[in-house]
Amino acid sequence: MNKNKILIELEIPLIEAKYDLFIPINKKVGTIKRLIEEALVELTDGAYVPKEISNLYSKKTGVIYDVNKTVRDTDLRNGSGIILI
């Protein structure tokens, strides 16, 4: 297992979908969010349209993840659930 990545479960209520993703722990949450949104546009053939303002939330606590923090500096760990709204 690569120690520079963690496996998370991403839920996107807008398109009623869930994905398991490996994300790097040394990247900022904002960068991860942007990359996820870009990938979702392609994966859904345009069904997912990124909003001007969207956030990643902890599925467990409901707290918004700070886009300026690295994943390593959050409570995200292997198996964590996040929601993109």
N, C-alpha and C. Protein backbone atom coordinates (compact mmCIF):
# COMPACT_ATOMS: atom_id res chain seq x y z
N MET A 1 0.85 -1.19 0.00
CA MET A 1 0.00 0.00 0.00
C MET A 1 0.88 1.24 0.00
N ASN A 2 0.56 2.16 -0.86
CA ASN A 2 1.29 3.41 -0.95
C ASN A 2 0.96 4.28 0.26
N LYS A 3 1.96 4.70 1.01
CA LYS A 3 1.72 5.49 2.22
C LYS A 3 1.45 6.95 1.91
N ASN A 4 1.54 7.35 0.65
CA ASN A 4 1.28 8.73 0.28
C ASN A 4 -0.16 8.94 -0.20
N LYS A 5 -0.97 7.89 -0.15
CA LYS A 5 -2.36 8.00 -0.58
C LYS A 5 -3.26 7.29 0.42
N ILE A 6 -4.52 7.76 0.46
CA ILE A 6 -5.52 7.10 1.30
C ILE A 6 -6.73 6.79 0.43
N LEU A 7 -7.49 5.79 0.85
CA LEU A 7 -8.71 5.41 0.15
C LEU A 7 -9.89 6.05 0.87
N ILE A 8 -10.68 6.84 0.14
CA ILE A 8 -11.85 7.49 0.73
C ILE A 8 -13.09 7.10 -0.07
N GLU A 9 -14.26 7.26 0.56
CA GLU A 9 -15.52 7.06 -0.15
C GLU A 9 -16.12 8.43 -0.40
N LEU A 10 -16.30 8.77 -1.66
CA LEU A 10 -16.86 10.06 -2.06
C LEU A 10 -18.32 9.88 -2.44
N GLU A 11 -19.19 10.68 -1.84
CA GLU A 11 -20.61 10.65 -2.16
C GLU A 11 -20.99 11.97 -2.82
N ILE A 12 -21.73 11.89 -3.93
CA ILE A 12 -22.17 13.09 -4.65
C ILE A 12 -23.69 13.03 -4.75
N PRO A 13 -24.39 13.68 -3.81
CA PRO A 13 -25.86 13.63 -3.80
C PRO A 13 -26.49 14.17 -5.09
N LEU A 14 -25.89 15.16 -5.70
CA LEU A 14 -26.45 15.78 -6.90
C LEU A 14 -26.71 14.77 -8.02
N ILE A 15 -25.81 13.79 -8.14
CA ILE A 15 -25.97 12.78 -9.20
C ILE A 15 -26.24 11.39 -8.61
N GLU A 16 -26.50 11.35 -7.29
CA GLU A 16 -26.80 10.11 -6.59
C GLU A 16 -25.77 9.02 -6.88
N ALA A 17 -24.50 9.38 -6.63
CA ALA A 17 -23.41 8.44 -6.92
C ALA A 17 -22.42 8.39 -5.77
N LYS A 18 -21.73 7.26 -5.69
CA LYS A 18 -20.65 7.08 -4.71
C LYS A 18 -19.46 6.49 -5.45
N TYR A 19 -18.27 6.93 -5.05
CA TYR A 19 -17.04 6.43 -5.65
C TYR A 19 -16.02 6.18 -4.55
N ASP A 20 -15.22 5.15 -4.72
CA ASP A 20 -14.06 4.93 -3.87
C ASP A 20 -12.86 5.49 -4.60
N LEU A 21 -12.11 6.37 -3.94
CA LEU A 21 -10.99 7.05 -4.58
C LEU A 21 -9.74 6.99 -3.72
N PHE A 22 -8.60 6.85 -4.37
CA PHE A 22 -7.33 7.06 -3.69
C PHE A 22 -6.95 8.51 -3.90
N ILE A 23 -6.66 9.21 -2.80
CA ILE A 23 -6.24 10.60 -2.92
C ILE A 23 -4.88 10.78 -2.24
N PRO A 24 -4.04 11.65 -2.80
CA PRO A 24 -2.72 11.89 -2.20
C PRO A 24 -2.85 12.74 -0.93
N ILE A 25 -2.07 12.39 0.09
CA ILE A 25 -2.16 13.12 1.36
C ILE A 25 -1.34 14.40 1.37
N ASN A 26 -0.48 14.59 0.37
CA ASN A 26 0.38 15.77 0.36
C ASN A 26 -0.19 16.91 -0.49
N LYS A 27 -1.40 16.76 -1.03
CA LYS A 27 -2.04 17.81 -1.84
C LYS A 27 -3.06 18.56 -0.99
N LYS A 28 -3.34 19.80 -1.38
CA LYS A 28 -4.34 20.60 -0.67
C LYS A 28 -5.74 20.08 -1.01
N VAL A 29 -6.63 20.21 -0.04
CA VAL A 29 -8.02 19.78 -0.22
C VAL A 29 -8.64 20.49 -1.43
N GLY A 30 -8.34 21.76 -1.63
CA GLY A 30 -8.87 22.50 -2.77
C GLY A 30 -8.44 21.91 -4.10
N THR A 31 -7.19 21.47 -4.17
CA THR A 31 -6.67 20.84 -5.39
C THR A 31 -7.39 19.51 -5.64
N ILE A 32 -7.56 18.73 -4.57
CA ILE A 32 -8.25 17.44 -4.67
C ILE A 32 -9.68 17.67 -5.15
N LYS A 33 -10.36 18.66 -4.58
CA LYS A 33 -11.75 18.96 -4.95
C LYS A 33 -11.85 19.31 -6.43
N ARG A 34 -10.94 20.15 -6.90
CA ARG A 34 -10.95 20.56 -8.31
C ARG A 34 -10.72 19.36 -9.23
N LEU A 35 -9.76 18.51 -8.88
CA LEU A 35 -9.47 17.32 -9.69
C LEU A 35 -10.66 16.35 -9.70
N ILE A 36 -11.30 16.19 -8.55
CA ILE A 36 -12.47 15.32 -8.47
C ILE A 36 -13.58 15.85 -9.37
N GLU A 37 -13.82 17.16 -9.31
CA GLU A 37 -14.88 17.74 -10.13
C GLU A 37 -14.58 17.59 -11.62
N GLU A 38 -13.33 17.81 -12.00
CA GLU A 38 -12.96 17.63 -13.41
C GLU A 38 -13.18 16.19 -13.86
N ALA A 39 -12.82 15.25 -13.01
CA ALA A 39 -13.01 13.83 -13.35
C ALA A 39 -14.49 13.47 -13.42
N LEU A 40 -15.30 14.04 -12.52
CA LEU A 40 -16.73 13.75 -12.52
C LEU A 40 -17.41 14.21 -13.80
N VAL A 41 -16.99 15.35 -14.32
CA VAL A 41 -17.56 15.84 -15.58
C VAL A 41 -17.34 14.80 -16.67
N GLU A 42 -16.13 14.25 -16.72
CA GLU A 42 -15.81 13.24 -17.73
C GLU A 42 -16.52 11.91 -17.46
N LEU A 43 -16.49 11.46 -16.21
CA LEU A 43 -17.10 10.16 -15.86
C LEU A 43 -18.60 10.14 -16.11
N THR A 44 -19.25 11.28 -15.94
CA THR A 44 -20.71 11.33 -16.06
C THR A 44 -21.16 11.88 -17.42
N ASP A 45 -20.22 12.03 -18.35
CA ASP A 45 -20.53 12.59 -19.67
C ASP A 45 -21.28 13.91 -19.56
N GLY A 46 -20.85 14.74 -18.61
CA GLY A 46 -21.42 16.06 -18.46
C GLY A 46 -22.65 16.14 -17.56
N ALA A 47 -23.11 15.01 -17.01
CA ALA A 47 -24.26 15.04 -16.10
C ALA A 47 -23.92 15.80 -14.82
N TYR A 48 -22.66 15.71 -14.40
CA TYR A 48 -22.22 16.50 -13.25
C TYR A 48 -21.65 17.82 -13.76
N VAL A 49 -22.24 18.91 -13.31
CA VAL A 49 -21.76 20.24 -13.67
C VAL A 49 -21.23 20.89 -12.40
N PRO A 50 -19.93 21.22 -12.36
CA PRO A 50 -19.37 21.84 -11.15
C PRO A 50 -20.05 23.16 -10.83
N LYS A 51 -20.34 23.36 -9.56
CA LYS A 51 -20.92 24.62 -9.10
C LYS A 51 -19.79 25.61 -8.87
N GLU A 52 -20.14 26.89 -8.91
CA GLU A 52 -19.13 27.91 -8.67
C GLU A 52 -18.56 27.76 -7.25
N ILE A 53 -19.45 27.47 -6.31
CA ILE A 53 -19.01 27.24 -4.94
C ILE A 53 -19.48 25.84 -4.52
N SER A 54 -18.52 24.98 -4.26
CA SER A 54 -18.83 23.65 -3.76
C SER A 54 -17.84 23.34 -2.64
N ASN A 55 -18.22 22.41 -1.80
CA ASN A 55 -17.36 22.05 -0.67
C ASN A 55 -17.33 20.55 -0.47
N LEU A 56 -16.27 20.11 0.18
CA LEU A 56 -16.16 18.72 0.63
C LEU A 56 -16.48 18.71 2.11
N TYR A 57 -17.40 17.84 2.50
CA TYR A 57 -17.84 17.73 3.88
C TYR A 57 -17.47 16.36 4.43
N SER A 58 -17.21 16.32 5.73
CA SER A 58 -17.01 15.05 6.40
C SER A 58 -18.36 14.37 6.52
N LYS A 59 -18.45 13.13 6.08
CA LYS A 59 -19.70 12.38 6.20
C LYS A 59 -20.02 12.10 7.66
N LYS A 60 -19.00 11.97 8.47
CA LYS A 60 -19.17 11.63 9.89
C LYS A 60 -19.60 12.83 10.73
N THR A 61 -18.97 14.00 10.50
CA THR A 61 -19.21 15.16 11.37
C THR A 61 -19.98 16.29 10.69
N GLY A 62 -20.00 16.31 9.35
CA GLY A 62 -20.66 17.40 8.64
C GLY A 62 -19.81 18.65 8.49
N VAL A 63 -18.58 18.61 8.99
CA VAL A 63 -17.68 19.75 8.93
C VAL A 63 -17.14 19.93 7.51
N ILE A 64 -17.04 21.19 7.07
CA ILE A 64 -16.47 21.49 5.76
C ILE A 64 -14.95 21.41 5.86
N TYR A 65 -14.32 20.75 4.88
CA TYR A 65 -12.86 20.68 4.86
C TYR A 65 -12.29 21.97 4.29
N ASP A 66 -11.29 22.50 4.98
CA ASP A 66 -10.60 23.73 4.57
C ASP A 66 -9.80 23.46 3.31
N VAL A 67 -10.11 24.21 2.23
CA VAL A 67 -9.45 23.98 0.95
C VAL A 67 -7.96 24.32 0.97
N ASN A 68 -7.53 25.06 1.98
CA ASN A 68 -6.12 25.45 2.06
C ASN A 68 -5.26 24.48 2.87
N LYS A 69 -5.88 23.50 3.51
CA LYS A 69 -5.13 22.49 4.26
C LYS A 69 -4.76 21.32 3.37
N THR A 70 -3.64 20.70 3.67
CA THR A 70 -3.31 19.47 2.95
C THR A 70 -4.15 18.35 3.56
N VAL A 71 -4.37 17.32 2.78
CA VAL A 71 -5.16 16.18 3.25
C VAL A 71 -4.54 15.62 4.53
N ARG A 72 -3.22 15.60 4.59
CA ARG A 72 -2.50 15.09 5.76
C ARG A 72 -2.89 15.84 7.04
N ASP A 73 -3.23 17.13 6.91
CA ASP A 73 -3.55 17.97 8.06
C ASP A 73 -5.03 17.98 8.42
N THR A 74 -5.80 17.07 7.82
CA THR A 74 -7.22 16.95 8.15
C THR A 74 -7.43 15.64 8.90
N ASP A 75 -8.70 15.34 9.20
CA ASP A 75 -9.00 14.06 9.87
C ASP A 75 -9.26 12.94 8.88
N LEU A 76 -8.99 13.18 7.59
CA LEU A 76 -9.20 12.14 6.58
C LEU A 76 -8.18 11.02 6.75
N ARG A 77 -8.70 9.80 6.78
CA ARG A 77 -7.88 8.60 6.90
C ARG A 77 -8.44 7.54 5.96
N ASN A 78 -7.75 6.43 5.82
CA ASN A 78 -8.27 5.33 5.01
C ASN A 78 -9.68 4.99 5.47
N GLY A 79 -10.60 4.91 4.53
CA GLY A 79 -11.98 4.55 4.84
C GLY A 79 -12.88 5.71 5.17
N SER A 80 -12.35 6.93 5.22
CA SER A 80 -13.17 8.10 5.53
C SER A 80 -14.20 8.34 4.43
N GLY A 81 -15.34 8.86 4.85
CA GLY A 81 -16.39 9.21 3.89
C GLY A 81 -16.46 10.73 3.75
N ILE A 82 -16.54 11.21 2.51
CA ILE A 82 -16.71 12.64 2.29
C ILE A 82 -17.88 12.85 1.31
N ILE A 83 -18.47 14.03 1.40
CA ILE A 83 -19.60 14.37 0.55
C ILE A 83 -19.23 15.63 -0.22
N LEU A 84 -19.50 15.63 -1.52
CA LEU A 84 -19.27 16.79 -2.35
C LEU A 84 -20.61 17.46 -2.62
N ILE A 85 -20.75 18.67 -2.11
CA ILE A 85 -21.99 19.45 -2.31
C ILE A 85 -21.59 20.83 -2.82
